[in-house]
Amino acid sequence: MMKLQRIEFGPLMMEMSQVAKKVEARATLDRLVVTKSQLQQLQQIADRATHRRKPSRPRKRNDLRSGITVLFSGASGTGKTMAAEALANHLKLHLYRIDLSQVVGKYIGETEKNLARVFDTAEDSGAILFFDEADALFGKRSEVKDSHDRFANIEINYLLQRMESYRGLVILVTNMKSALDEAFIRRLRFVVDFPRPTRRNVK
């Protein structure tokens, strides 16, 4: 399997650092304490991401909605962040945890501008974008009762569009999968559940 060269691009990462924190990827796929099914899913994600980032592969029109967005679901301490680190290590790509407090704005349209900056900055590098507490962004859609609800739903739709067109890998993490909108879950390429490890369910 082709491994990609880690890309350094200092000035752009300085801009990214305003809304995201770089995660040091120490974990590796072969050291994860996961089930065989989980490991197979992670390897499939890695294979798909490798294929998407091949320099010789031209971007086609039908790629516009073929981004790789995955959901890691499970309680705290079940290995979701380590799995993201392992994928970044395997693909030799940077991993950035998005700071929701810096992205979600108080004013209408501000969140959309911040999200645009995140994806535009990361696009050339192929950095892995790691959204923790995804339920805060992708909870069940609110009924439109006023202009703020309407614009909140527009911002969610904008984020979905950017994730689907992003040429890199987007990882969403939640410990409350039941709080997520079912329509949103159906749009994801992969959903990996992380139960608490036991002697029976680990590889």
N, C-alpha and C. Protein backbone atom coordinates (compact mmCIF):
# COMPACT_ATOMS: atom_id res chain seq x y z
N MET A 1 0.84 -1.19 0.00
CA MET A 1 0.00 0.00 0.00
C MET A 1 0.87 1.24 0.00
N MET A 2 0.54 2.20 -0.88
CA MET A 2 1.31 3.42 -0.95
C MET A 2 1.08 4.28 0.29
N LYS A 3 2.16 4.74 0.89
CA LYS A 3 2.05 5.67 2.01
C LYS A 3 2.41 7.07 1.52
N LEU A 4 1.68 8.03 2.01
CA LEU A 4 1.84 9.39 1.54
C LEU A 4 2.87 10.14 2.37
N GLN A 5 3.58 11.03 1.72
CA GLN A 5 4.59 11.83 2.40
C GLN A 5 3.90 12.93 3.21
N ARG A 6 4.31 13.08 4.45
CA ARG A 6 3.72 14.13 5.28
C ARG A 6 4.11 15.50 4.72
N ILE A 7 3.11 16.35 4.59
CA ILE A 7 3.32 17.65 3.96
C ILE A 7 3.48 18.73 5.01
N GLU A 8 4.53 19.52 4.90
CA GLU A 8 4.74 20.64 5.81
C GLU A 8 4.41 21.93 5.07
N PHE A 9 3.60 22.78 5.68
CA PHE A 9 3.30 24.06 5.05
C PHE A 9 3.02 25.07 6.16
N GLY A 10 4.12 25.52 6.78
CA GLY A 10 4.09 26.33 7.98
C GLY A 10 3.12 27.50 8.00
N PRO A 11 3.16 28.44 7.05
CA PRO A 11 2.28 29.60 7.13
C PRO A 11 0.81 29.24 7.18
N LEU A 12 0.40 28.25 6.39
CA LEU A 12 -0.99 27.86 6.40
C LEU A 12 -1.37 27.23 7.72
N MET A 13 -0.45 26.46 8.31
CA MET A 13 -0.75 25.85 9.59
C MET A 13 -0.83 26.88 10.71
N MET A 14 -0.11 28.00 10.54
CA MET A 14 -0.24 29.06 11.52
C MET A 14 -1.67 29.61 11.50
N GLU A 15 -2.25 29.70 10.30
CA GLU A 15 -3.63 30.16 10.20
C GLU A 15 -4.58 29.11 10.77
N MET A 16 -4.30 27.84 10.48
CA MET A 16 -5.13 26.75 10.99
C MET A 16 -5.11 26.72 12.51
N SER A 17 -3.99 27.07 13.11
CA SER A 17 -3.85 26.99 14.55
C SER A 17 -4.79 27.93 15.29
N GLN A 18 -5.36 28.90 14.58
CA GLN A 18 -6.30 29.81 15.21
C GLN A 18 -7.62 29.12 15.54
N VAL A 19 -7.96 28.08 14.81
CA VAL A 19 -9.24 27.41 15.03
C VAL A 19 -9.08 25.91 15.32
N ALA A 20 -7.84 25.43 15.31
CA ALA A 20 -7.63 23.99 15.49
C ALA A 20 -6.33 23.74 16.24
N LYS A 21 -6.25 22.58 16.87
CA LYS A 21 -5.05 22.19 17.60
C LYS A 21 -4.45 20.94 16.96
N LYS A 22 -3.17 21.01 16.67
CA LYS A 22 -2.51 19.85 16.08
C LYS A 22 -2.37 18.75 17.12
N VAL A 23 -2.75 17.54 16.73
CA VAL A 23 -2.66 16.38 17.62
C VAL A 23 -1.43 15.57 17.23
N GLU A 24 -0.59 15.28 18.19
CA GLU A 24 0.59 14.46 17.92
C GLU A 24 0.16 13.01 17.78
N ALA A 25 0.36 12.47 16.58
CA ALA A 25 -0.09 11.11 16.29
C ALA A 25 0.95 10.09 16.76
N ARG A 26 0.67 9.43 17.86
CA ARG A 26 1.60 8.42 18.40
C ARG A 26 1.09 6.99 18.19
N ALA A 27 -0.21 6.83 18.17
CA ALA A 27 -0.78 5.49 18.05
C ALA A 27 -0.57 4.94 16.63
N THR A 28 -0.56 3.61 16.52
CA THR A 28 -0.45 2.94 15.23
C THR A 28 -1.53 1.89 15.12
N LEU A 29 -1.91 1.56 13.90
CA LEU A 29 -3.01 0.61 13.69
C LEU A 29 -2.73 -0.75 14.32
N ASP A 30 -1.48 -1.19 14.27
CA ASP A 30 -1.16 -2.52 14.77
C ASP A 30 -1.12 -2.58 16.30
N ARG A 31 -1.17 -1.44 16.96
CA ARG A 31 -1.13 -1.43 18.42
C ARG A 31 -2.49 -1.08 19.05
N LEU A 32 -3.49 -0.84 18.23
CA LEU A 32 -4.80 -0.50 18.76
C LEU A 32 -5.47 -1.72 19.40
N VAL A 33 -6.15 -1.50 20.49
CA VAL A 33 -6.92 -2.56 21.14
C VAL A 33 -8.35 -2.45 20.62
N VAL A 34 -8.61 -3.12 19.50
CA VAL A 34 -9.92 -3.04 18.85
C VAL A 34 -10.33 -4.43 18.37
N THR A 35 -11.58 -4.56 17.96
CA THR A 35 -12.06 -5.82 17.41
C THR A 35 -11.55 -5.98 15.99
N LYS A 36 -11.65 -7.19 15.48
CA LYS A 36 -11.26 -7.43 14.09
C LYS A 36 -12.12 -6.62 13.14
N SER A 37 -13.40 -6.50 13.46
CA SER A 37 -14.31 -5.72 12.62
C SER A 37 -13.92 -4.25 12.61
N GLN A 38 -13.59 -3.70 13.76
CA GLN A 38 -13.15 -2.31 13.83
C GLN A 38 -11.87 -2.10 13.03
N LEU A 39 -10.91 -3.01 13.19
CA LEU A 39 -9.64 -2.88 12.48
C LEU A 39 -9.86 -2.93 10.97
N GLN A 40 -10.75 -3.81 10.52
CA GLN A 40 -11.06 -3.89 9.10
C GLN A 40 -11.65 -2.58 8.59
N GLN A 41 -12.54 -1.99 9.38
CA GLN A 41 -13.12 -0.71 8.99
C GLN A 41 -12.06 0.39 8.91
N LEU A 42 -11.17 0.43 9.88
CA LEU A 42 -10.12 1.44 9.89
C LEU A 42 -9.19 1.26 8.69
N GLN A 43 -8.89 0.02 8.34
CA GLN A 43 -8.04 -0.24 7.19
C GLN A 43 -8.74 0.17 5.89
N GLN A 44 -10.06 -0.05 5.83
CA GLN A 44 -10.82 0.39 4.66
C GLN A 44 -10.80 1.90 4.53
N ILE A 45 -10.92 2.59 5.66
CA ILE A 45 -10.86 4.05 5.65
C ILE A 45 -9.49 4.51 5.15
N ALA A 46 -8.43 3.89 5.65
CA ALA A 46 -7.07 4.24 5.23
C ALA A 46 -6.88 3.99 3.75
N ASP A 47 -7.38 2.87 3.25
CA ASP A 47 -7.25 2.56 1.83
C ASP A 47 -7.98 3.59 0.97
N ARG A 48 -9.19 3.94 1.40
CA ARG A 48 -9.96 4.93 0.64
C ARG A 48 -9.26 6.29 0.65
N ALA A 49 -8.73 6.68 1.80
CA ALA A 49 -8.03 7.96 1.90
C ALA A 49 -6.77 7.98 1.04
N THR A 50 -6.05 6.87 1.01
CA THR A 50 -4.85 6.77 0.17
C THR A 50 -5.21 6.94 -1.29
N HIS A 51 -6.29 6.30 -1.71
CA HIS A 51 -6.72 6.39 -3.11
C HIS A 51 -7.12 7.81 -3.46
N ARG A 52 -7.78 8.49 -2.53
CA ARG A 52 -8.24 9.84 -2.79
C ARG A 52 -7.08 10.82 -2.95
N ARG A 53 -5.96 10.57 -2.26
CA ARG A 53 -4.86 11.52 -2.23
C ARG A 53 -3.76 11.22 -3.24
N LYS A 54 -3.93 10.21 -4.09
CA LYS A 54 -2.89 9.92 -5.07
C LYS A 54 -2.68 11.12 -5.98
N PRO A 55 -1.43 11.62 -6.07
CA PRO A 55 -1.17 12.81 -6.89
C PRO A 55 -1.54 12.64 -8.35
N SER A 56 -1.41 11.40 -8.87
CA SER A 56 -1.66 11.17 -10.28
C SER A 56 -3.13 11.02 -10.60
N ARG A 57 -3.97 11.02 -9.58
CA ARG A 57 -5.39 10.79 -9.80
C ARG A 57 -6.10 12.11 -10.05
N PRO A 58 -6.60 12.34 -11.28
CA PRO A 58 -7.30 13.59 -11.56
C PRO A 58 -8.62 13.66 -10.83
N ARG A 59 -9.01 14.86 -10.49
CA ARG A 59 -10.28 15.04 -9.80
C ARG A 59 -11.39 15.16 -10.82
N LYS A 60 -12.38 14.28 -10.73
CA LYS A 60 -13.48 14.25 -11.68
C LYS A 60 -14.69 14.96 -11.12
N ARG A 61 -15.64 15.23 -12.02
CA ARG A 61 -16.83 15.96 -11.60
C ARG A 61 -17.61 15.19 -10.54
N ASN A 62 -17.63 13.86 -10.64
CA ASN A 62 -18.39 13.09 -9.65
C ASN A 62 -17.66 12.97 -8.33
N ASP A 63 -16.46 13.57 -8.22
CA ASP A 63 -15.74 13.60 -6.94
C ASP A 63 -16.28 14.68 -6.02
N LEU A 64 -17.10 15.58 -6.56
CA LEU A 64 -17.52 16.74 -5.78
C LEU A 64 -18.32 16.36 -4.55
N ARG A 65 -18.90 15.16 -4.55
CA ARG A 65 -19.67 14.71 -3.39
C ARG A 65 -19.13 13.38 -2.88
N SER A 66 -17.82 13.20 -3.01
CA SER A 66 -17.25 11.91 -2.63
C SER A 66 -16.17 12.07 -1.58
N GLY A 67 -16.32 13.05 -0.70
CA GLY A 67 -15.37 13.19 0.40
C GLY A 67 -15.49 12.01 1.36
N ILE A 68 -14.48 11.84 2.17
CA ILE A 68 -14.46 10.72 3.12
C ILE A 68 -14.75 11.27 4.51
N THR A 69 -15.97 11.09 4.95
CA THR A 69 -16.38 11.54 6.26
C THR A 69 -16.78 10.33 7.08
N VAL A 70 -16.17 10.18 8.25
CA VAL A 70 -16.44 9.01 9.08
C VAL A 70 -16.85 9.46 10.48
N LEU A 71 -17.58 8.59 11.15
CA LEU A 71 -18.01 8.86 12.52
C LEU A 71 -17.44 7.81 13.45
N PHE A 72 -16.79 8.25 14.51
CA PHE A 72 -16.35 7.36 15.59
C PHE A 72 -17.31 7.59 16.76
N SER A 73 -17.99 6.53 17.16
CA SER A 73 -19.00 6.65 18.21
C SER A 73 -18.66 5.73 19.37
N GLY A 74 -18.73 6.27 20.58
CA GLY A 74 -18.47 5.46 21.76
C GLY A 74 -18.22 6.32 22.98
N ALA A 75 -18.27 5.70 24.12
CA ALA A 75 -18.05 6.43 25.37
C ALA A 75 -16.62 6.92 25.47
N SER A 76 -16.40 7.85 26.37
CA SER A 76 -15.04 8.35 26.61
C SER A 76 -14.12 7.22 27.03
N GLY A 77 -12.88 7.24 26.54
CA GLY A 77 -11.91 6.23 26.93
C GLY A 77 -11.98 4.93 26.16
N THR A 78 -12.72 4.91 25.05
CA THR A 78 -12.83 3.67 24.27
C THR A 78 -11.88 3.63 23.07
N GLY A 79 -11.06 4.66 22.89
CA GLY A 79 -10.03 4.60 21.85
C GLY A 79 -10.31 5.37 20.59
N LYS A 80 -11.30 6.25 20.59
CA LYS A 80 -11.65 6.99 19.37
C LYS A 80 -10.52 7.91 18.92
N THR A 81 -9.96 8.66 19.86
CA THR A 81 -8.88 9.57 19.50
C THR A 81 -7.64 8.80 19.07
N MET A 82 -7.35 7.70 19.74
CA MET A 82 -6.19 6.89 19.36
C MET A 82 -6.36 6.33 17.96
N ALA A 83 -7.58 5.96 17.60
CA ALA A 83 -7.83 5.44 16.25
C ALA A 83 -7.58 6.54 15.21
N ALA A 84 -7.99 7.77 15.53
CA ALA A 84 -7.72 8.88 14.62
C ALA A 84 -6.22 9.12 14.49
N GLU A 85 -5.50 9.04 15.60
CA GLU A 85 -4.05 9.19 15.57
C GLU A 85 -3.42 8.10 14.70
N ALA A 86 -3.91 6.87 14.86
CA ALA A 86 -3.35 5.75 14.11
C ALA A 86 -3.54 5.94 12.61
N LEU A 87 -4.71 6.46 12.20
CA LEU A 87 -4.95 6.72 10.79
C LEU A 87 -4.01 7.81 10.28
N ALA A 88 -3.82 8.87 11.07
CA ALA A 88 -2.92 9.94 10.67
C ALA A 88 -1.49 9.42 10.54
N ASN A 89 -1.08 8.57 11.48
CA ASN A 89 0.25 7.99 11.46
C ASN A 89 0.43 7.11 10.22
N HIS A 90 -0.56 6.30 9.95
CA HIS A 90 -0.50 5.37 8.82
C HIS A 90 -0.42 6.13 7.49
N LEU A 91 -1.23 7.20 7.39
CA LEU A 91 -1.29 7.97 6.15
C LEU A 91 -0.21 9.04 6.06
N LYS A 92 0.53 9.24 7.18
CA LYS A 92 1.56 10.27 7.27
C LYS A 92 0.97 11.66 6.94
N LEU A 93 -0.13 11.96 7.61
CA LEU A 93 -0.79 13.24 7.45
C LEU A 93 -0.95 13.90 8.81
N HIS A 94 -1.07 15.22 8.80
CA HIS A 94 -1.32 15.94 10.04
C HIS A 94 -2.74 15.70 10.51
N LEU A 95 -2.93 15.71 11.82
CA LEU A 95 -4.25 15.54 12.42
C LEU A 95 -4.55 16.80 13.22
N TYR A 96 -5.67 17.43 12.92
CA TYR A 96 -6.05 18.67 13.61
C TYR A 96 -7.42 18.51 14.27
N ARG A 97 -7.44 18.76 15.58
CA ARG A 97 -8.70 18.77 16.31
C ARG A 97 -9.30 20.17 16.21
N ILE A 98 -10.51 20.24 15.67
CA ILE A 98 -11.16 21.52 15.47
C ILE A 98 -11.72 22.03 16.79
N ASP A 99 -11.37 23.25 17.12
CA ASP A 99 -11.83 23.89 18.34
C ASP A 99 -13.20 24.50 18.08
N LEU A 100 -14.25 23.81 18.51
CA LEU A 100 -15.61 24.26 18.22
C LEU A 100 -15.90 25.63 18.84
N SER A 101 -15.27 25.93 19.96
CA SER A 101 -15.52 27.21 20.60
C SER A 101 -15.01 28.36 19.74
N GLN A 102 -14.02 28.07 18.88
CA GLN A 102 -13.48 29.10 18.00
C GLN A 102 -14.20 29.12 16.65
N VAL A 103 -14.82 28.01 16.27
CA VAL A 103 -15.47 27.91 14.97
C VAL A 103 -16.91 28.39 15.02
N VAL A 104 -17.65 27.96 16.04
CA VAL A 104 -19.06 28.33 16.13
C VAL A 104 -19.17 29.77 16.61
N GLY A 105 -19.67 30.64 15.76
CA GLY A 105 -19.75 32.06 16.07
C GLY A 105 -21.07 32.45 16.72
N LYS A 106 -21.06 33.59 17.34
CA LYS A 106 -22.26 34.10 18.00
C LYS A 106 -23.19 34.81 17.02
N TYR A 107 -22.65 35.21 15.87
CA TYR A 107 -23.43 36.02 14.95
C TYR A 107 -23.76 35.22 13.69
N ILE A 108 -24.87 35.56 13.07
CA ILE A 108 -25.34 34.86 11.88
C ILE A 108 -24.28 34.97 10.77
N GLY A 109 -23.90 33.83 10.21
CA GLY A 109 -22.92 33.80 9.13
C GLY A 109 -21.49 33.66 9.58
N GLU A 110 -21.21 33.90 10.86
CA GLU A 110 -19.84 33.84 11.35
C GLU A 110 -19.30 32.41 11.34
N THR A 111 -20.15 31.46 11.74
CA THR A 111 -19.73 30.05 11.75
C THR A 111 -19.34 29.59 10.35
N GLU A 112 -20.14 29.97 9.36
CA GLU A 112 -19.87 29.58 7.98
C GLU A 112 -18.52 30.11 7.50
N LYS A 113 -18.20 31.35 7.86
CA LYS A 113 -16.92 31.93 7.47
C LYS A 113 -15.76 31.18 8.14
N ASN A 114 -15.93 30.84 9.40
CA ASN A 114 -14.87 30.12 10.11
C ASN A 114 -14.66 28.73 9.52
N LEU A 115 -15.75 28.06 9.18
CA LEU A 115 -15.64 26.73 8.58
C LEU A 115 -14.97 26.80 7.21
N ALA A 116 -15.28 27.83 6.46
CA ALA A 116 -14.65 28.01 5.15
C ALA A 116 -13.14 28.16 5.31
N ARG A 117 -12.72 28.89 6.34
CA ARG A 117 -11.29 29.07 6.58
C ARG A 117 -10.62 27.75 6.92
N VAL A 118 -11.30 26.92 7.73
CA VAL A 118 -10.75 25.62 8.10
C VAL A 118 -10.51 24.76 6.87
N PHE A 119 -11.53 24.61 6.05
CA PHE A 119 -11.42 23.72 4.90
C PHE A 119 -10.52 24.28 3.81
N ASP A 120 -10.58 25.58 3.58
CA ASP A 120 -9.71 26.18 2.56
C ASP A 120 -8.24 26.04 2.95
N THR A 121 -7.95 26.21 4.24
CA THR A 121 -6.57 26.12 4.70
C THR A 121 -6.05 24.69 4.61
N ALA A 122 -6.92 23.73 4.93
CA ALA A 122 -6.47 22.34 4.99
C ALA A 122 -6.48 21.64 3.64
N GLU A 123 -7.16 22.20 2.65
CA GLU A 123 -7.39 21.50 1.39
C GLU A 123 -6.10 21.03 0.72
N ASP A 124 -5.11 21.90 0.59
CA ASP A 124 -3.90 21.54 -0.15
C ASP A 124 -3.06 20.50 0.58
N SER A 125 -3.14 20.47 1.89
CA SER A 125 -2.30 19.57 2.65
C SER A 125 -2.89 18.19 2.81
N GLY A 126 -4.23 18.11 2.70
CA GLY A 126 -4.88 16.83 2.97
C GLY A 126 -4.93 16.51 4.44
N ALA A 127 -4.75 17.50 5.31
CA ALA A 127 -4.76 17.25 6.75
C ALA A 127 -6.07 16.57 7.16
N ILE A 128 -5.98 15.69 8.15
CA ILE A 128 -7.17 15.04 8.69
C ILE A 128 -7.82 16.00 9.67
N LEU A 129 -9.10 16.28 9.47
CA LEU A 129 -9.84 17.19 10.33
C LEU A 129 -10.67 16.36 11.32
N PHE A 130 -10.51 16.69 12.59
CA PHE A 130 -11.06 15.88 13.69
C PHE A 130 -12.03 16.76 14.48
N PHE A 131 -13.34 16.52 14.28
CA PHE A 131 -14.37 17.28 14.99
C PHE A 131 -14.84 16.47 16.19
N ASP A 132 -14.46 16.91 17.38
CA ASP A 132 -14.91 16.24 18.59
C ASP A 132 -16.30 16.74 18.96
N GLU A 133 -17.03 15.92 19.74
CA GLU A 133 -18.37 16.29 20.18
C GLU A 133 -19.24 16.69 19.00
N ALA A 134 -19.30 15.81 17.99
CA ALA A 134 -20.04 16.09 16.77
C ALA A 134 -21.52 16.33 17.02
N ASP A 135 -22.04 15.77 18.11
CA ASP A 135 -23.46 15.95 18.41
C ASP A 135 -23.80 17.41 18.66
N ALA A 136 -22.78 18.21 19.06
CA ALA A 136 -23.02 19.64 19.28
C ALA A 136 -23.33 20.35 17.97
N LEU A 137 -22.79 19.82 16.85
CA LEU A 137 -23.04 20.42 15.55
C LEU A 137 -24.13 19.70 14.77
N PHE A 138 -24.19 18.38 14.93
CA PHE A 138 -25.06 17.58 14.09
C PHE A 138 -26.18 16.89 14.87
N GLY A 139 -26.64 17.55 15.92
CA GLY A 139 -27.78 17.02 16.65
C GLY A 139 -29.01 17.05 15.77
N LYS A 140 -30.09 16.48 16.25
CA LYS A 140 -31.33 16.44 15.48
C LYS A 140 -31.73 17.86 15.07
N ARG A 141 -32.08 17.99 13.80
CA ARG A 141 -32.37 19.30 13.23
C ARG A 141 -33.46 20.02 14.02
N SER A 142 -33.25 21.29 14.24
CA SER A 142 -34.25 22.08 14.95
C SER A 142 -35.37 22.50 14.00
N GLU A 143 -36.56 22.62 14.55
CA GLU A 143 -37.65 23.17 13.77
C GLU A 143 -37.38 24.67 13.60
N VAL A 144 -37.72 25.18 12.44
CA VAL A 144 -37.44 26.58 12.17
C VAL A 144 -38.53 27.42 12.81
N LYS A 145 -38.18 28.01 13.94
CA LYS A 145 -39.12 28.86 14.67
C LYS A 145 -38.79 30.34 14.51
N ASP A 146 -37.53 30.63 14.25
CA ASP A 146 -37.15 32.03 14.03
C ASP A 146 -35.95 32.06 13.09
N SER A 147 -35.45 33.27 12.81
CA SER A 147 -34.36 33.43 11.84
C SER A 147 -33.08 32.75 12.31
N HIS A 148 -32.84 32.70 13.62
CA HIS A 148 -31.63 32.06 14.12
C HIS A 148 -31.64 30.56 13.85
N ASP A 149 -32.80 29.91 14.03
CA ASP A 149 -32.92 28.49 13.70
C ASP A 149 -32.67 28.26 12.22
N ARG A 150 -33.23 29.13 11.39
CA ARG A 150 -33.09 28.96 9.95
C ARG A 150 -31.63 29.07 9.54
N PHE A 151 -30.93 30.06 10.08
CA PHE A 151 -29.53 30.23 9.72
C PHE A 151 -28.67 29.13 10.31
N ALA A 152 -29.03 28.60 11.49
CA ALA A 152 -28.28 27.49 12.08
C ALA A 152 -28.34 26.28 11.17
N ASN A 153 -29.51 25.98 10.60
CA ASN A 153 -29.65 24.85 9.70
C ASN A 153 -28.90 25.09 8.39
N ILE A 154 -28.86 26.33 7.93
CA ILE A 154 -28.09 26.66 6.73
C ILE A 154 -26.61 26.39 6.96
N GLU A 155 -26.11 26.74 8.15
CA GLU A 155 -24.70 26.52 8.47
C GLU A 155 -24.38 25.03 8.52
N ILE A 156 -25.29 24.22 9.06
CA ILE A 156 -25.08 22.78 9.09
C ILE A 156 -25.03 22.23 7.66
N ASN A 157 -25.94 22.68 6.81
CA ASN A 157 -25.93 22.24 5.41
C ASN A 157 -24.63 22.63 4.72
N TYR A 158 -24.13 23.83 5.03
CA TYR A 158 -22.87 24.28 4.44
C TYR A 158 -21.73 23.38 4.87
N LEU A 159 -21.69 23.03 6.15
CA LEU A 159 -20.63 22.16 6.65
C LEU A 159 -20.70 20.79 6.00
N LEU A 160 -21.90 20.25 5.83
CA LEU A 160 -22.05 18.95 5.17
C LEU A 160 -21.51 19.02 3.74
N GLN A 161 -21.81 20.09 3.04
CA GLN A 161 -21.32 20.23 1.67
C GLN A 161 -19.80 20.30 1.62
N ARG A 162 -19.19 21.05 2.55
CA ARG A 162 -17.74 21.16 2.57
C ARG A 162 -17.08 19.83 2.92
N MET A 163 -17.66 19.07 3.85
CA MET A 163 -17.11 17.77 4.20
C MET A 163 -17.18 16.81 3.01
N GLU A 164 -18.28 16.87 2.27
CA GLU A 164 -18.45 15.95 1.15
C GLU A 164 -17.56 16.28 -0.03
N SER A 165 -17.13 17.53 -0.14
CA SER A 165 -16.26 17.91 -1.25
C SER A 165 -14.79 17.96 -0.86
N TYR A 166 -14.49 17.84 0.44
CA TYR A 166 -13.12 17.91 0.92
C TYR A 166 -12.34 16.69 0.43
N ARG A 167 -11.14 16.92 -0.08
CA ARG A 167 -10.37 15.82 -0.66
C ARG A 167 -9.64 15.00 0.39
N GLY A 168 -9.64 15.47 1.61
CA GLY A 168 -9.00 14.73 2.69
C GLY A 168 -10.00 13.91 3.48
N LEU A 169 -9.64 13.62 4.71
CA LEU A 169 -10.44 12.79 5.59
C LEU A 169 -10.98 13.63 6.74
N VAL A 170 -12.28 13.53 6.98
CA VAL A 170 -12.91 14.22 8.09
C VAL A 170 -13.42 13.18 9.08
N ILE A 171 -12.99 13.29 10.33
CA ILE A 171 -13.41 12.36 11.37
C ILE A 171 -14.26 13.11 12.38
N LEU A 172 -15.47 12.61 12.59
CA LEU A 172 -16.38 13.16 13.58
C LEU A 172 -16.45 12.21 14.75
N VAL A 173 -16.46 12.75 15.94
CA VAL A 173 -16.45 11.90 17.14
C VAL A 173 -17.63 12.29 18.03
N THR A 174 -18.31 11.28 18.57
CA THR A 174 -19.40 11.55 19.49
C THR A 174 -19.49 10.43 20.53
N ASN A 175 -19.93 10.79 21.72
CA ASN A 175 -20.26 9.77 22.71
C ASN A 175 -21.76 9.71 22.94
N MET A 176 -22.50 10.39 22.04
CA MET A 176 -23.96 10.36 22.10
C MET A 176 -24.53 10.18 20.69
N LYS A 177 -24.29 9.03 20.12
CA LYS A 177 -24.75 8.75 18.76
C LYS A 177 -26.25 8.92 18.62
N SER A 178 -26.99 8.59 19.67
CA SER A 178 -28.44 8.67 19.62
C SER A 178 -28.94 10.11 19.45
N ALA A 179 -28.08 11.07 19.76
CA ALA A 179 -28.47 12.48 19.64
C ALA A 179 -28.30 13.02 18.23
N LEU A 180 -27.64 12.24 17.37
CA LEU A 180 -27.37 12.70 16.00
C LEU A 180 -28.59 12.52 15.11
N ASP A 181 -28.69 13.39 14.14
CA ASP A 181 -29.76 13.32 13.16
C ASP A 181 -29.55 12.08 12.28
N GLU A 182 -30.60 11.25 12.15
CA GLU A 182 -30.48 10.03 11.35
C GLU A 182 -30.16 10.34 9.89
N ALA A 183 -30.74 11.42 9.36
CA ALA A 183 -30.46 11.80 7.97
C ALA A 183 -28.99 12.14 7.79
N PHE A 184 -28.38 12.71 8.82
CA PHE A 184 -26.95 13.03 8.76
C PHE A 184 -26.12 11.74 8.77
N ILE A 185 -26.46 10.79 9.64
CA ILE A 185 -25.70 9.55 9.74
C ILE A 185 -25.72 8.80 8.42
N ARG A 186 -26.83 8.85 7.70
CA ARG A 186 -26.93 8.14 6.42
C ARG A 186 -26.00 8.72 5.36
N ARG A 187 -25.53 9.94 5.56
CA ARG A 187 -24.66 10.58 4.57
C ARG A 187 -23.19 10.27 4.81
N LEU A 188 -22.87 9.54 5.87
CA LEU A 188 -21.48 9.24 6.20
C LEU A 188 -21.00 8.01 5.45
N ARG A 189 -19.71 8.00 5.09
CA ARG A 189 -19.12 6.85 4.41
C ARG A 189 -18.92 5.67 5.36
N PHE A 190 -18.44 5.96 6.55
CA PHE A 190 -18.15 4.92 7.53
C PHE A 190 -18.65 5.35 8.90
N VAL A 191 -19.18 4.39 9.66
CA VAL A 191 -19.53 4.61 11.06
C VAL A 191 -18.87 3.50 11.85
N VAL A 192 -17.94 3.86 12.73
CA VAL A 192 -17.21 2.88 13.52
C VAL A 192 -17.62 3.04 14.98
N ASP A 193 -18.20 2.00 15.54
CA ASP A 193 -18.61 2.02 16.94
C ASP A 193 -17.48 1.51 17.82
N PHE A 194 -17.27 2.18 18.94
CA PHE A 194 -16.21 1.81 19.87
C PHE A 194 -16.83 1.42 21.22
N PRO A 195 -17.12 0.13 21.39
CA PRO A 195 -17.62 -0.33 22.69
C PRO A 195 -16.47 -0.37 23.69
N ARG A 196 -16.81 -0.48 24.94
CA ARG A 196 -15.75 -0.62 25.95
C ARG A 196 -15.03 -1.94 25.74
N PRO A 197 -13.70 -1.94 25.71
CA PRO A 197 -12.95 -3.19 25.45
C PRO A 197 -13.19 -4.25 26.53
N THR A 198 -13.34 -5.48 26.08
CA THR A 198 -13.39 -6.64 26.98
C THR A 198 -12.47 -7.70 26.41
N ARG A 199 -12.20 -8.73 27.18
CA ARG A 199 -11.34 -9.79 26.68
C ARG A 199 -11.96 -10.51 25.50
N ARG A 200 -13.29 -10.50 25.44
CA ARG A 200 -13.96 -11.22 24.37
C ARG A 200 -14.02 -10.44 23.05
N ASN A 201 -14.12 -9.11 23.14
CA ASN A 201 -14.36 -8.38 21.89
C ASN A 201 -13.12 -7.75 21.28
N VAL A 202 -11.95 -7.89 21.90
CA VAL A 202 -10.74 -7.35 21.27
C VAL A 202 -10.13 -8.41 20.40
N LYS A 203 -9.30 -7.93 19.44
CA LYS A 203 -8.69 -8.87 18.48
C LYS A 203 -7.71 -9.80 19.17
